[in-house]
Amino acid sequence: MKITVDIDCTPEEARQFLGLPDVAPMQEAMMKEVQDQMLANIQAMDPETMIKTWMPVGMQGLEQFQKMFWGQMTGGDAKDK
C-alpha cells in the first residue's frame, strides 16, 4: 500500500508548523554586513592604490619586477643577472 500526502503551504507556514525559528532578520543583518565589507574592499581596489601596494617606490622597483618576471619566464634566477 502506498499513501501520498500533498501539503500546500508557504515555507513560512511550514517553518511555523514545525516550530523552527524565523531566521530572516538574522540573514538580512548578515547580508548587510557582507555588503558593507565588500564595498569597503572595492574602494581599496582603486588601481592607483593597488599599484602602490604591489610595486616598490620608483622605477627601480619596476626594474626589479621586470627582472624577476623575465627570470621566471626564462627559467633562470633573476638574482644571477
N, C-alpha and C. Protein backbone atom coordinates (compact mmCIF):
# COMPACT_ATOMS: atom_id res chain seq x y z
N MET A 1 0.84 -1.16 0.00
CA MET A 1 0.00 0.00 0.00
C MET A 1 0.89 1.24 0.00
N LYS A 2 0.51 2.21 -0.79
CA LYS A 2 1.29 3.43 -0.89
C LYS A 2 0.35 4.60 -0.67
N ILE A 3 0.76 5.50 0.24
CA ILE A 3 -0.06 6.68 0.56
C ILE A 3 0.77 7.92 0.22
N THR A 4 0.17 8.85 -0.49
CA THR A 4 0.83 10.10 -0.84
C THR A 4 0.05 11.25 -0.24
N VAL A 5 0.77 12.14 0.42
CA VAL A 5 0.14 13.31 1.03
C VAL A 5 0.79 14.55 0.42
N ASP A 6 -0.01 15.43 -0.15
CA ASP A 6 0.47 16.68 -0.69
C ASP A 6 0.05 17.80 0.25
N ILE A 7 1.02 18.61 0.65
CA ILE A 7 0.75 19.73 1.54
C ILE A 7 1.06 21.01 0.78
N ASP A 8 0.09 21.90 0.73
CA ASP A 8 0.26 23.17 0.03
C ASP A 8 0.38 24.27 1.07
N CYS A 9 1.63 24.72 1.30
CA CYS A 9 1.86 25.80 2.25
C CYS A 9 3.12 26.54 1.86
N THR A 10 3.26 27.72 2.38
CA THR A 10 4.45 28.52 2.12
C THR A 10 5.59 28.04 3.03
N PRO A 11 6.82 28.37 2.69
CA PRO A 11 7.92 28.00 3.57
C PRO A 11 7.76 28.58 4.98
N GLU A 12 7.22 29.79 5.08
CA GLU A 12 7.00 30.39 6.40
C GLU A 12 5.97 29.60 7.21
N GLU A 13 4.90 29.17 6.55
CA GLU A 13 3.89 28.37 7.24
C GLU A 13 4.46 27.03 7.69
N ALA A 14 5.27 26.40 6.86
CA ALA A 14 5.89 25.13 7.23
C ALA A 14 6.84 25.31 8.40
N ARG A 15 7.62 26.40 8.38
CA ARG A 15 8.56 26.68 9.47
C ARG A 15 7.81 26.87 10.78
N GLN A 16 6.71 27.62 10.75
CA GLN A 16 5.92 27.84 11.97
C GLN A 16 5.30 26.53 12.45
N PHE A 17 4.78 25.72 11.54
CA PHE A 17 4.16 24.46 11.91
C PHE A 17 5.16 23.51 12.57
N LEU A 18 6.39 23.50 12.05
CA LEU A 18 7.41 22.62 12.61
C LEU A 18 8.13 23.22 13.82
N GLY A 19 7.83 24.47 14.14
CA GLY A 19 8.43 25.11 15.30
C GLY A 19 9.85 25.60 15.08
N LEU A 20 10.21 25.81 13.83
CA LEU A 20 11.55 26.30 13.52
C LEU A 20 11.61 27.81 13.65
N PRO A 21 12.76 28.36 14.02
CA PRO A 21 12.86 29.81 14.21
C PRO A 21 12.85 30.55 12.87
N ASP A 22 12.43 31.79 12.91
CA ASP A 22 12.45 32.65 11.74
C ASP A 22 13.83 33.30 11.67
N VAL A 23 14.62 32.91 10.68
CA VAL A 23 15.99 33.40 10.57
C VAL A 23 16.13 34.55 9.59
N ALA A 24 15.03 35.04 9.04
CA ALA A 24 15.09 36.12 8.05
C ALA A 24 15.75 37.38 8.60
N PRO A 25 15.44 37.84 9.82
CA PRO A 25 16.13 39.04 10.33
C PRO A 25 17.65 38.84 10.46
N MET A 26 18.06 37.66 10.90
CA MET A 26 19.49 37.38 11.03
C MET A 26 20.15 37.36 9.65
N GLN A 27 19.49 36.76 8.66
CA GLN A 27 20.03 36.72 7.30
C GLN A 27 20.17 38.13 6.74
N GLU A 28 19.19 38.98 6.97
CA GLU A 28 19.25 40.36 6.49
C GLU A 28 20.42 41.11 7.13
N ALA A 29 20.61 40.93 8.43
CA ALA A 29 21.71 41.60 9.12
C ALA A 29 23.06 41.11 8.60
N MET A 30 23.19 39.80 8.38
CA MET A 30 24.44 39.25 7.88
C MET A 30 24.72 39.73 6.45
N MET A 31 23.70 39.78 5.62
CA MET A 31 23.88 40.24 4.25
C MET A 31 24.27 41.72 4.22
N LYS A 32 23.72 42.51 5.12
CA LYS A 32 24.09 43.92 5.21
C LYS A 32 25.57 44.04 5.59
N GLU A 33 26.02 43.22 6.54
CA GLU A 33 27.43 43.23 6.96
C GLU A 33 28.35 42.82 5.82
N VAL A 34 27.96 41.78 5.08
CA VAL A 34 28.76 41.32 3.94
C VAL A 34 28.83 42.41 2.88
N GLN A 35 27.70 43.05 2.62
CA GLN A 35 27.67 44.13 1.63
C GLN A 35 28.58 45.29 2.04
N ASP A 36 28.55 45.66 3.30
CA ASP A 36 29.40 46.75 3.78
C ASP A 36 30.89 46.40 3.62
N GLN A 37 31.26 45.16 3.95
CA GLN A 37 32.64 44.73 3.81
C GLN A 37 33.08 44.70 2.34
N MET A 38 32.20 44.24 1.46
CA MET A 38 32.52 44.20 0.05
C MET A 38 32.72 45.61 -0.51
N LEU A 39 31.87 46.54 -0.12
CA LEU A 39 32.01 47.92 -0.58
C LEU A 39 33.32 48.54 -0.10
N ALA A 40 33.70 48.24 1.14
CA ALA A 40 34.96 48.75 1.67
C ALA A 40 36.14 48.17 0.91
N ASN A 41 36.07 46.89 0.56
CA ASN A 41 37.16 46.25 -0.19
C ASN A 41 37.23 46.76 -1.62
N ILE A 42 36.10 47.06 -2.22
CA ILE A 42 36.10 47.58 -3.58
C ILE A 42 36.77 48.94 -3.61
N GLN A 43 36.54 49.76 -2.61
CA GLN A 43 37.18 51.07 -2.55
C GLN A 43 38.69 50.93 -2.42
N ALA A 44 39.14 49.88 -1.76
CA ALA A 44 40.59 49.65 -1.61
C ALA A 44 41.21 49.12 -2.89
N MET A 45 40.39 48.71 -3.86
CA MET A 45 40.90 48.16 -5.11
C MET A 45 41.04 49.24 -6.18
N ASP A 46 41.18 50.47 -5.80
CA ASP A 46 41.46 51.55 -6.71
C ASP A 46 42.77 51.23 -7.42
N PRO A 47 42.84 51.35 -8.76
CA PRO A 47 44.06 50.96 -9.49
C PRO A 47 45.32 51.63 -8.96
N GLU A 48 45.26 52.89 -8.64
CA GLU A 48 46.45 53.58 -8.14
C GLU A 48 46.90 53.00 -6.80
N THR A 49 45.95 52.71 -5.92
CA THR A 49 46.27 52.13 -4.62
C THR A 49 46.88 50.74 -4.79
N MET A 50 46.33 49.94 -5.71
CA MET A 50 46.86 48.59 -5.92
C MET A 50 48.29 48.64 -6.44
N ILE A 51 48.56 49.54 -7.37
CA ILE A 51 49.92 49.63 -7.91
C ILE A 51 50.90 50.07 -6.83
N LYS A 52 50.49 51.03 -6.00
CA LYS A 52 51.37 51.47 -4.91
C LYS A 52 51.64 50.34 -3.93
N THR A 53 50.65 49.48 -3.72
CA THR A 53 50.81 48.37 -2.80
C THR A 53 51.73 47.30 -3.39
N TRP A 54 51.57 47.02 -4.66
CA TRP A 54 52.32 45.94 -5.30
C TRP A 54 53.73 46.33 -5.65
N MET A 55 53.95 47.56 -6.04
CA MET A 55 55.25 47.98 -6.54
C MET A 55 55.99 48.83 -5.52
N PRO A 56 57.28 48.59 -5.34
CA PRO A 56 58.06 49.49 -4.51
C PRO A 56 58.13 50.88 -5.18
N VAL A 57 58.54 51.86 -4.44
CA VAL A 57 58.56 53.23 -4.92
C VAL A 57 59.58 53.40 -6.05
N GLY A 58 59.16 54.09 -7.11
CA GLY A 58 60.08 54.48 -8.18
C GLY A 58 60.30 53.45 -9.25
N MET A 59 61.10 53.83 -10.22
CA MET A 59 61.40 52.98 -11.38
C MET A 59 62.29 51.80 -10.99
N GLN A 60 63.07 51.94 -9.95
CA GLN A 60 63.92 50.83 -9.52
C GLN A 60 63.05 49.62 -9.17
N GLY A 61 61.92 49.87 -8.53
CA GLY A 61 61.01 48.79 -8.20
C GLY A 61 60.44 48.14 -9.44
N LEU A 62 60.13 48.94 -10.47
CA LEU A 62 59.63 48.40 -11.73
C LEU A 62 60.69 47.55 -12.41
N GLU A 63 61.94 48.00 -12.40
CA GLU A 63 63.03 47.23 -13.00
C GLU A 63 63.21 45.90 -12.28
N GLN A 64 63.14 45.92 -10.97
CA GLN A 64 63.28 44.68 -10.20
C GLN A 64 62.14 43.72 -10.55
N PHE A 65 60.94 44.26 -10.70
CA PHE A 65 59.79 43.44 -11.04
C PHE A 65 59.99 42.81 -12.43
N GLN A 66 60.47 43.61 -13.40
CA GLN A 66 60.71 43.10 -14.74
C GLN A 66 61.78 42.01 -14.73
N LYS A 67 62.87 42.21 -13.98
CA LYS A 67 63.92 41.20 -13.90
C LYS A 67 63.38 39.90 -13.30
N MET A 68 62.58 40.03 -12.26
CA MET A 68 62.01 38.84 -11.64
C MET A 68 61.08 38.12 -12.63
N PHE A 69 60.26 38.88 -13.34
CA PHE A 69 59.33 38.31 -14.30
C PHE A 69 60.08 37.56 -15.41
N TRP A 70 61.08 38.22 -16.02
CA TRP A 70 61.82 37.59 -17.10
C TRP A 70 62.63 36.40 -16.59
N GLY A 71 63.14 36.51 -15.39
CA GLY A 71 63.86 35.38 -14.81
C GLY A 71 62.97 34.16 -14.66
N GLN A 72 61.74 34.38 -14.26
CA GLN A 72 60.79 33.27 -14.12
C GLN A 72 60.40 32.71 -15.48
N MET A 73 60.24 33.58 -16.47
CA MET A 73 59.82 33.14 -17.80
C MET A 73 60.93 32.35 -18.52
N THR A 74 62.18 32.72 -18.30
CA THR A 74 63.29 32.05 -18.99
C THR A 74 63.83 30.88 -18.18
N GLY A 75 63.34 30.73 -16.97
CA GLY A 75 63.78 29.60 -16.15
C GLY A 75 65.04 29.90 -15.37
N GLY A 76 65.59 31.10 -15.50
CA GLY A 76 66.79 31.46 -14.76
C GLY A 76 66.44 32.20 -13.49
N ASP A 77 67.41 32.42 -12.67
CA ASP A 77 67.21 33.16 -11.44
C ASP A 77 67.49 34.63 -11.69
N ALA A 78 66.55 35.50 -11.37
CA ALA A 78 66.71 36.94 -11.64
C ALA A 78 67.85 37.54 -10.84
N LYS A 79 68.26 36.94 -9.73
CA LYS A 79 69.33 37.47 -8.90
C LYS A 79 70.69 37.27 -9.57
N ASP A 80 70.82 36.27 -10.47
CA ASP A 80 72.08 36.00 -11.12
C ASP A 80 72.42 37.02 -12.19
N LYS A 81 71.45 37.80 -12.64
CA LYS A 81 71.67 38.72 -13.76
C LYS A 81 72.07 40.08 -13.28
